[in-house]
Amino acid sequence: MDLNFTVATKRDIYRRQLEKELAELVDPKTNRLKSEISEYVACPLCGEDDEHTELFVVKGYPHVRCKKCGLVFVNPQVKEEKLHELYENSKANDLWLDVLMSSTESKARYELYERYFEELEKNTAHRTLMDVGCSIGDLLVVAKRRSWRAQGFDLSKKAVDFARNTRGLNVHLGKLEDFGFKANSLPVITLTGVLEHLNRPREILYRIRNLLSADGVILVQVPNLQSLHNMVLHEKSTSFDGRNHLIFFNPTTLRKMLSSAGYEVKYIRTYQAVTHLVCRYLQYYDPYQGGADFSFLPAKVRSWLEDGTKHNQLIQWLEEMDMGRCIMAIAAKQKNREAKT
């Protein structure tokens, strides 16, 4: 993800607008989220109320870790009703759709989703899916290529219009509860880039579990708290913004969340390891203002990274060691077990 990628996908424009919107929610006297639009929350995974360690504050948004279960989340958070209002009126969120619509971004996502489907098809014989929060439909495009019957829904009219009118996909505008799905009726449900945006992710996992057929599976993707670049960059990573990303999973906490909602994890792995951000940071550069550059790293390290074969081996190793950019999990209903509440 070099500078040309950032510009080609318009990420730079999106980030500038997002920073402006984030600042509008912060009290200039305290440099923290305004009290009238914020609320303290218990740990979304284990329910612990008080035992949280503050890790860092990003533009007024404290990020904490639960001492009991290890989940990292924003606390206090923007109130749920206010968050919905912000999403509906956010120019930054519209600009993020422009990022997704760029051909450069779509190509990268297509390659990732092809890898997902390779694993999904090993874990289910079904070829029909519902994509929750489908955005502009990148996953649905790949599903269609692989001869799946696929549909999705999203809250963004702009995203739905693009998916329908430009891509010809079967996509609907609305929320999960708007469509009247019957219990035990959906064989495969996908949620990519959804759970990290929710104040209470277990609630939607529980509702989706009730919609899954007896032999159904879900596929979930979330950002990885323990990615190489997050663990090195900490609060400098753009993963941590406070408003849009509320919860940060690693493979262990994601597995726990799925289990507590009544699922059995069949497959979990990290994908898309990123090295250039860390390499720039280690050379005292802004990690996001430039492309891959190894010029001022130790000579032996530079030589190793510039060898394409060795670099690819490093990427593969990082993914296998759970340090990829994102986590993908496939899970089925746990038999004869209700989800924890």
Protein backbone atom coordinates (compact mmCIF):
# COMPACT_ATOMS: atom_id res chain seq x y z
CA MET A 1 0.00 0.00 0.00
CA ASP A 2 2.42 2.66 -1.23
CA LEU A 3 1.87 6.36 -1.86
CA ASN A 4 0.59 5.72 -5.39
CA PHE A 5 -1.95 3.26 -3.94
CA THR A 6 -3.04 5.83 -1.34
CA VAL A 7 -3.59 8.49 -4.00
CA ALA A 8 -5.09 6.10 -6.57
CA THR A 9 -7.69 4.93 -4.07
CA LYS A 10 -8.31 8.46 -2.72
CA ARG A 11 -7.47 7.38 0.82
CA ASP A 12 -5.70 10.67 1.41
CA ILE A 13 -8.89 12.65 0.73
CA TYR A 14 -10.94 10.31 2.94
CA ARG A 15 -8.50 10.56 5.86
CA ARG A 16 -8.46 14.36 5.81
CA GLN A 17 -12.25 14.51 5.97
CA LEU A 18 -12.45 11.84 8.67
CA GLU A 19 -9.97 13.72 10.87
CA LYS A 20 -12.10 16.85 10.50
CA GLU A 21 -15.26 14.98 11.55
CA LEU A 22 -13.52 13.28 14.47
CA ALA A 23 -12.30 16.63 15.79
CA GLU A 24 -15.85 18.02 15.77
CA LEU A 25 -16.85 15.47 18.43
CA VAL A 26 -14.06 16.37 20.85
CA ASP A 27 -14.34 18.92 23.66
CA PRO A 28 -11.47 21.43 23.14
CA LYS A 29 -11.26 22.00 26.92
CA THR A 30 -10.61 18.36 27.79
CA ASN A 31 -9.32 17.03 24.46
CA ARG A 32 -11.68 14.08 25.00
CA LEU A 33 -14.93 12.99 23.40
CA LYS A 34 -17.75 15.37 24.37
CA SER A 35 -19.58 14.04 27.43
CA GLU A 36 -23.06 14.73 26.07
CA ILE A 37 -22.59 12.36 23.12
CA SER A 38 -20.51 9.68 24.84
CA GLU A 39 -21.12 6.77 27.19
CA TYR A 40 -18.95 4.38 29.13
CA VAL A 41 -19.52 0.74 28.25
CA ALA A 42 -18.80 -2.61 29.84
CA CYS A 43 -16.46 -4.92 27.96
CA PRO A 44 -18.40 -6.11 24.89
CA LEU A 45 -16.92 -9.60 25.27
CA CYS A 46 -16.92 -10.53 28.98
CA GLY A 47 -19.07 -7.76 30.49
CA GLU A 48 -16.38 -6.47 32.89
CA ASP A 49 -17.31 -2.92 33.94
CA ASP A 50 -14.26 -1.43 35.63
CA GLU A 51 -11.06 -3.39 35.06
CA HIS A 52 -9.86 -1.68 31.90
CA THR A 53 -6.34 -0.42 31.15
CA GLU A 54 -6.05 2.69 28.98
CA LEU A 55 -3.57 1.98 26.18
CA PHE A 56 -3.61 5.31 24.36
CA VAL A 57 -5.86 8.16 23.27
CA VAL A 58 -6.35 8.90 19.57
CA LYS A 59 -7.67 12.38 18.82
CA GLY A 60 -9.73 12.39 22.01
CA TYR A 61 -10.87 8.76 21.89
CA PRO A 62 -9.44 6.51 24.65
CA HIS A 63 -8.62 2.92 23.65
CA VAL A 64 -8.67 0.46 26.54
CA ARG A 65 -7.94 -3.21 27.15
CA CYS A 66 -10.08 -5.39 29.38
CA LYS A 67 -7.91 -6.91 32.11
CA LYS A 68 -10.17 -9.95 32.33
CA CYS A 69 -10.47 -11.11 28.69
CA GLY A 70 -7.98 -8.95 26.76
CA LEU A 71 -10.45 -7.33 24.34
CA VAL A 72 -9.43 -3.84 23.19
CA PHE A 73 -12.18 -1.29 22.57
CA VAL A 74 -12.93 2.43 22.61
CA ASN A 75 -14.23 3.66 25.98
CA PRO A 76 -16.11 5.91 26.30
CA GLN A 77 -17.78 5.48 22.91
CA VAL A 78 -20.05 7.69 20.87
CA LYS A 79 -23.61 6.88 21.94
CA GLU A 80 -25.26 4.37 19.63
CA GLU A 81 -28.09 6.66 18.52
CA LYS A 82 -25.61 9.47 17.82
CA LEU A 83 -23.36 7.06 15.94
CA HIS A 84 -26.22 6.12 13.60
CA GLU A 85 -26.91 9.81 13.00
CA LEU A 86 -23.24 10.46 12.23
CA TYR A 87 -23.05 7.56 9.80
CA GLU A 88 -26.08 8.83 7.91
CA ASN A 89 -24.63 12.34 7.55
CA SER A 90 -20.91 11.64 7.32
CA LYS A 91 -19.14 13.01 4.28
CA ALA A 92 -16.14 10.87 5.23
CA ASN A 93 -18.23 7.71 4.94
CA ASP A 94 -19.29 8.77 1.44
CA LEU A 95 -15.65 9.39 0.59
CA TRP A 96 -14.80 5.90 1.85
CA LEU A 97 -17.17 4.55 -0.79
CA ASP A 98 -15.12 6.45 -3.37
CA VAL A 99 -12.09 4.57 -2.05
CA LEU A 100 -13.91 1.27 -2.46
CA MET A 101 -15.08 2.16 -5.96
CA SER A 102 -11.56 2.70 -7.25
CA SER A 103 -10.34 -0.07 -9.54
CA THR A 104 -7.10 -0.34 -7.58
CA GLU A 105 -8.92 -1.02 -4.33
CA SER A 106 -11.37 -3.46 -5.92
CA LYS A 107 -8.54 -5.49 -7.43
CA ALA A 108 -6.91 -5.92 -4.02
CA ARG A 109 -10.22 -6.95 -2.45
CA TYR A 110 -11.05 -9.38 -5.24
CA GLU A 111 -7.73 -11.15 -4.67
CA LEU A 112 -8.39 -11.35 -0.93
CA TYR A 113 -11.96 -12.61 -1.33
CA GLU A 114 -10.84 -15.30 -3.78
CA ARG A 115 -8.69 -16.66 -0.96
CA TYR A 116 -11.65 -16.50 1.39
CA PHE A 117 -13.86 -18.49 -0.97
CA GLU A 118 -11.21 -21.16 -1.35
CA GLU A 119 -11.56 -21.84 2.37
CA LEU A 120 -15.30 -21.27 2.52
CA GLU A 121 -15.92 -23.88 -0.18
CA LYS A 122 -13.95 -26.41 1.88
CA ASN A 123 -16.25 -25.83 4.84
CA THR A 124 -19.69 -25.93 3.22
CA ALA A 125 -21.39 -27.64 0.30
CA HIS A 126 -23.84 -24.74 -0.03
CA ARG A 127 -23.44 -22.17 -2.78
CA THR A 128 -26.00 -19.57 -1.66
CA LEU A 129 -25.10 -16.65 0.61
CA MET A 130 -26.36 -13.45 2.18
CA ASP A 131 -23.78 -10.68 2.68
CA VAL A 132 -24.57 -8.45 5.67
CA GLY A 133 -23.26 -4.90 5.22
CA CYS A 134 -22.23 -5.67 1.65
CA SER A 135 -21.26 -2.07 0.77
CA ILE A 136 -20.61 -1.83 -2.99
CA GLY A 137 -20.58 -5.61 -3.39
CA ASP A 138 -16.94 -6.64 -3.90
CA LEU A 139 -17.52 -9.97 -2.13
CA LEU A 140 -20.69 -10.53 -4.16
CA VAL A 141 -18.75 -9.98 -7.40
CA VAL A 142 -16.33 -12.75 -6.45
CA ALA A 143 -19.20 -14.99 -5.34
CA LYS A 144 -20.89 -14.51 -8.71
CA ARG A 145 -17.66 -15.36 -10.56
CA ARG A 146 -17.51 -18.61 -8.62
CA SER A 147 -21.13 -19.46 -9.55
CA TRP A 148 -22.66 -18.75 -6.14
CA ARG A 149 -26.18 -17.42 -5.75
CA ALA A 150 -25.51 -14.30 -3.71
CA GLN A 151 -27.36 -11.27 -2.43
CA GLY A 152 -26.64 -8.61 0.15
CA PHE A 153 -27.90 -5.54 1.92
CA ASP A 154 -26.41 -2.31 3.24
CA LEU A 155 -27.47 0.91 4.94
CA SER A 156 -25.78 3.20 2.39
CA LYS A 157 -27.97 4.25 -0.54
CA LYS A 158 -24.89 5.33 -2.49
CA ALA A 159 -23.29 1.90 -2.04
CA VAL A 160 -26.48 0.02 -2.90
CA ASP A 161 -27.09 2.13 -6.01
CA PHE A 162 -23.56 1.44 -7.24
CA ALA A 163 -23.83 -2.30 -6.55
CA ARG A 164 -27.17 -2.52 -8.34
CA ASN A 165 -26.80 -0.11 -11.23
CA THR A 166 -23.10 -0.40 -12.07
CA ARG A 167 -22.45 -4.01 -11.12
CA GLY A 168 -25.87 -5.56 -11.62
CA LEU A 169 -25.84 -7.24 -8.21
CA ASN A 170 -28.79 -8.39 -6.12
CA VAL A 171 -28.45 -5.84 -3.31
CA HIS A 172 -31.06 -4.26 -1.05
CA LEU A 173 -31.19 -1.11 1.08
CA GLY A 174 -31.92 -1.65 4.76
CA LYS A 175 -31.06 -3.44 8.01
CA LEU A 176 -31.13 -7.11 8.92
CA GLU A 177 -34.51 -6.85 10.65
CA ASP A 178 -36.12 -5.17 7.62
CA PHE A 179 -36.21 -8.28 5.45
CA GLY A 180 -38.17 -10.82 7.47
CA PHE A 181 -35.79 -13.72 7.04
CA LYS A 182 -37.16 -16.91 8.55
CA ALA A 183 -35.34 -18.77 11.30
CA ASN A 184 -32.95 -21.49 10.12
CA SER A 185 -33.34 -20.40 6.49
CA LEU A 186 -29.95 -19.05 5.37
CA PRO A 187 -27.13 -21.50 4.59
CA VAL A 188 -24.21 -19.02 4.43
CA ILE A 189 -24.00 -15.53 5.90
CA THR A 190 -20.97 -13.25 5.47
CA LEU A 191 -19.93 -10.17 7.47
CA THR A 192 -16.76 -8.50 6.23
CA GLY A 193 -15.78 -5.27 7.97
CA VAL A 194 -18.93 -5.11 10.12
CA LEU A 195 -18.36 -6.24 13.71
CA GLU A 196 -15.67 -3.65 14.49
CA HIS A 197 -18.19 -0.85 13.84
CA LEU A 198 -20.83 -2.08 16.30
CA ASN A 199 -21.32 -1.12 19.94
CA ARG A 200 -22.70 -4.60 20.69
CA PRO A 201 -21.38 -7.08 18.11
CA ARG A 202 -22.57 -10.18 19.96
CA GLU A 203 -26.20 -9.12 19.45
CA ILE A 204 -25.98 -9.31 15.66
CA LEU A 205 -24.04 -12.58 15.87
CA TYR A 206 -26.82 -14.05 17.97
CA ARG A 207 -29.53 -12.85 15.57
CA ILE A 208 -27.63 -14.22 12.61
CA ARG A 209 -27.18 -17.55 14.34
CA ASN A 210 -30.95 -17.87 14.58
CA LEU A 211 -31.23 -17.30 10.82
CA LEU A 212 -28.60 -19.91 9.88
CA SER A 213 -29.75 -23.29 8.66
CA ALA A 214 -28.81 -26.27 10.81
CA ASP A 215 -25.74 -26.94 8.67
CA GLY A 216 -25.10 -23.30 7.86
CA VAL A 217 -21.88 -21.30 8.36
CA ILE A 218 -20.88 -17.69 8.76
CA LEU A 219 -17.75 -16.00 7.43
CA VAL A 220 -16.51 -13.04 9.45
CA GLN A 221 -13.69 -10.59 8.68
CA VAL A 222 -12.37 -7.97 11.11
CA PRO A 223 -9.17 -5.91 11.38
CA ASN A 224 -6.43 -7.64 13.38
CA LEU A 225 -5.31 -5.84 16.54
CA GLN A 226 -2.14 -7.95 16.48
CA SER A 227 -1.15 -7.16 12.90
CA LEU A 228 2.51 -6.28 12.55
CA HIS A 229 1.83 -2.65 11.74
CA ASN A 230 -0.70 -2.17 14.58
CA MET A 231 1.68 -3.64 17.15
CA VAL A 232 4.53 -1.40 15.98
CA LEU A 233 2.70 1.81 15.13
CA HIS A 234 0.23 1.72 18.05
CA GLU A 235 -1.90 4.90 18.01
CA LYS A 236 -0.23 6.08 14.79
CA SER A 237 -1.99 3.28 12.90
CA THR A 238 -5.05 4.46 10.98
CA SER A 239 -6.86 1.38 12.31
CA PHE A 240 -7.51 3.38 15.48
CA ASP A 241 -9.86 6.28 14.80
CA GLY A 242 -12.29 6.08 17.73
CA ARG A 243 -15.58 6.73 15.94
CA ASN A 244 -15.77 4.18 13.13
CA HIS A 245 -13.71 1.37 14.66
CA LEU A 246 -15.00 0.67 18.16
CA ILE A 247 -13.71 -2.84 18.86
CA PHE A 248 -10.38 -4.49 18.03
CA PHE A 249 -10.13 -8.26 17.88
CA ASN A 250 -7.17 -10.60 17.73
CA PRO A 251 -7.68 -14.25 16.74
CA THR A 252 -8.16 -15.28 20.38
CA THR A 253 -10.79 -12.67 21.26
CA LEU A 254 -12.63 -13.18 17.96
CA ARG A 255 -12.80 -16.91 18.66
CA LYS A 256 -14.13 -16.16 22.17
CA MET A 257 -16.75 -13.75 20.82
CA LEU A 258 -17.99 -16.30 18.29
CA SER A 259 -18.08 -19.06 20.89
CA SER A 260 -20.03 -16.89 23.36
CA ALA A 261 -22.61 -16.22 20.62
CA GLY A 262 -23.15 -19.94 20.04
CA TYR A 263 -20.72 -20.75 17.23
CA GLU A 264 -18.01 -23.33 16.71
CA VAL A 265 -15.02 -21.92 14.83
CA LYS A 266 -14.04 -24.20 11.95
CA TYR A 267 -11.28 -22.03 10.45
CA ILE A 268 -9.45 -18.87 11.47
CA ARG A 269 -6.43 -17.18 9.90
CA THR A 270 -4.94 -13.75 9.30
CA TYR A 271 -4.44 -12.28 5.83
CA GLN A 272 -2.73 -9.39 4.04
CA ALA A 273 0.37 -8.78 6.14
CA VAL A 274 1.78 -5.28 5.63
CA THR A 275 5.50 -4.53 5.92
CA HIS A 276 6.12 -1.20 4.22
CA LEU A 277 4.40 0.88 6.93
CA VAL A 278 6.67 -0.59 9.59
CA CYS A 279 9.75 -0.20 7.40
CA ARG A 280 8.99 3.48 6.88
CA TYR A 281 8.38 4.01 10.59
CA LEU A 282 11.66 2.31 11.53
CA GLN A 283 13.43 4.85 9.29
CA TYR A 284 11.75 7.79 11.12
CA TYR A 285 9.35 8.53 8.25
CA ASP A 286 5.62 9.12 8.43
CA PRO A 287 4.41 5.57 7.69
CA TYR A 288 1.54 6.79 5.51
CA GLN A 289 3.29 9.44 3.46
CA GLY A 290 5.22 7.45 0.92
CA GLY A 291 5.72 4.05 -0.61
CA ALA A 292 7.93 1.09 0.17
CA ASP A 293 11.40 2.41 0.96
CA PHE A 294 14.21 0.41 2.57
CA SER A 295 17.01 2.94 1.96
CA PHE A 296 17.95 3.65 5.58
CA LEU A 297 17.44 0.21 7.07
CA PRO A 298 20.51 -1.86 7.98
CA ALA A 299 22.18 -3.10 4.80
CA LYS A 300 21.54 -6.80 5.49
CA VAL A 301 17.87 -6.16 6.27
CA ARG A 302 17.52 -3.99 3.16
CA SER A 303 19.06 -6.67 0.95
CA TRP A 304 16.75 -9.30 2.37
CA LEU A 305 13.58 -7.19 1.90
CA GLU A 306 14.51 -6.21 -1.65
CA ASP A 307 14.63 -9.87 -2.63
CA GLY A 308 11.09 -10.48 -3.91
CA THR A 309 11.08 -14.16 -3.08
CA LYS A 310 12.25 -13.60 0.49
CA HIS A 311 9.82 -10.73 0.94
CA ASN A 312 6.91 -12.93 -0.16
CA GLN A 313 8.07 -15.61 2.25
CA LEU A 314 8.05 -13.01 5.02
CA ILE A 315 4.48 -12.00 4.14
CA GLN A 316 3.35 -15.62 4.23
CA TRP A 317 5.11 -16.21 7.54
CA LEU A 318 3.52 -13.11 9.11
CA GLU A 319 0.07 -14.28 8.03
CA GLU A 320 0.70 -17.75 9.47
CA MET A 321 1.93 -16.20 12.73
CA ASP A 322 -1.37 -14.28 13.07
CA MET A 323 0.15 -10.90 12.18
CA GLY A 324 -1.78 -10.24 8.97
CA ARG A 325 -3.80 -7.05 8.54
CA CYS A 326 -7.17 -8.77 8.95
CA ILE A 327 -8.67 -11.91 10.47
CA MET A 328 -11.07 -14.19 8.64
CA ALA A 329 -13.04 -16.83 10.51
CA ILE A 330 -15.56 -19.43 9.37
CA ALA A 331 -17.92 -20.76 12.04
CA ALA A 332 -20.93 -23.04 12.35
CA LYS A 333 -23.70 -23.28 14.91
CA GLN A 334 -22.74 -25.11 18.05
CA LYS A 335 -25.09 -28.06 18.28
CA ASN A 336 -27.64 -28.14 21.12
CA ARG A 337 -26.30 -24.99 22.71
CA GLU A 338 -27.82 -21.59 23.17
CA ALA A 339 -25.71 -18.46 22.89
CA LYS A 340 -24.59 -16.84 26.12
CA THR A 341 -26.36 -13.63 27.02
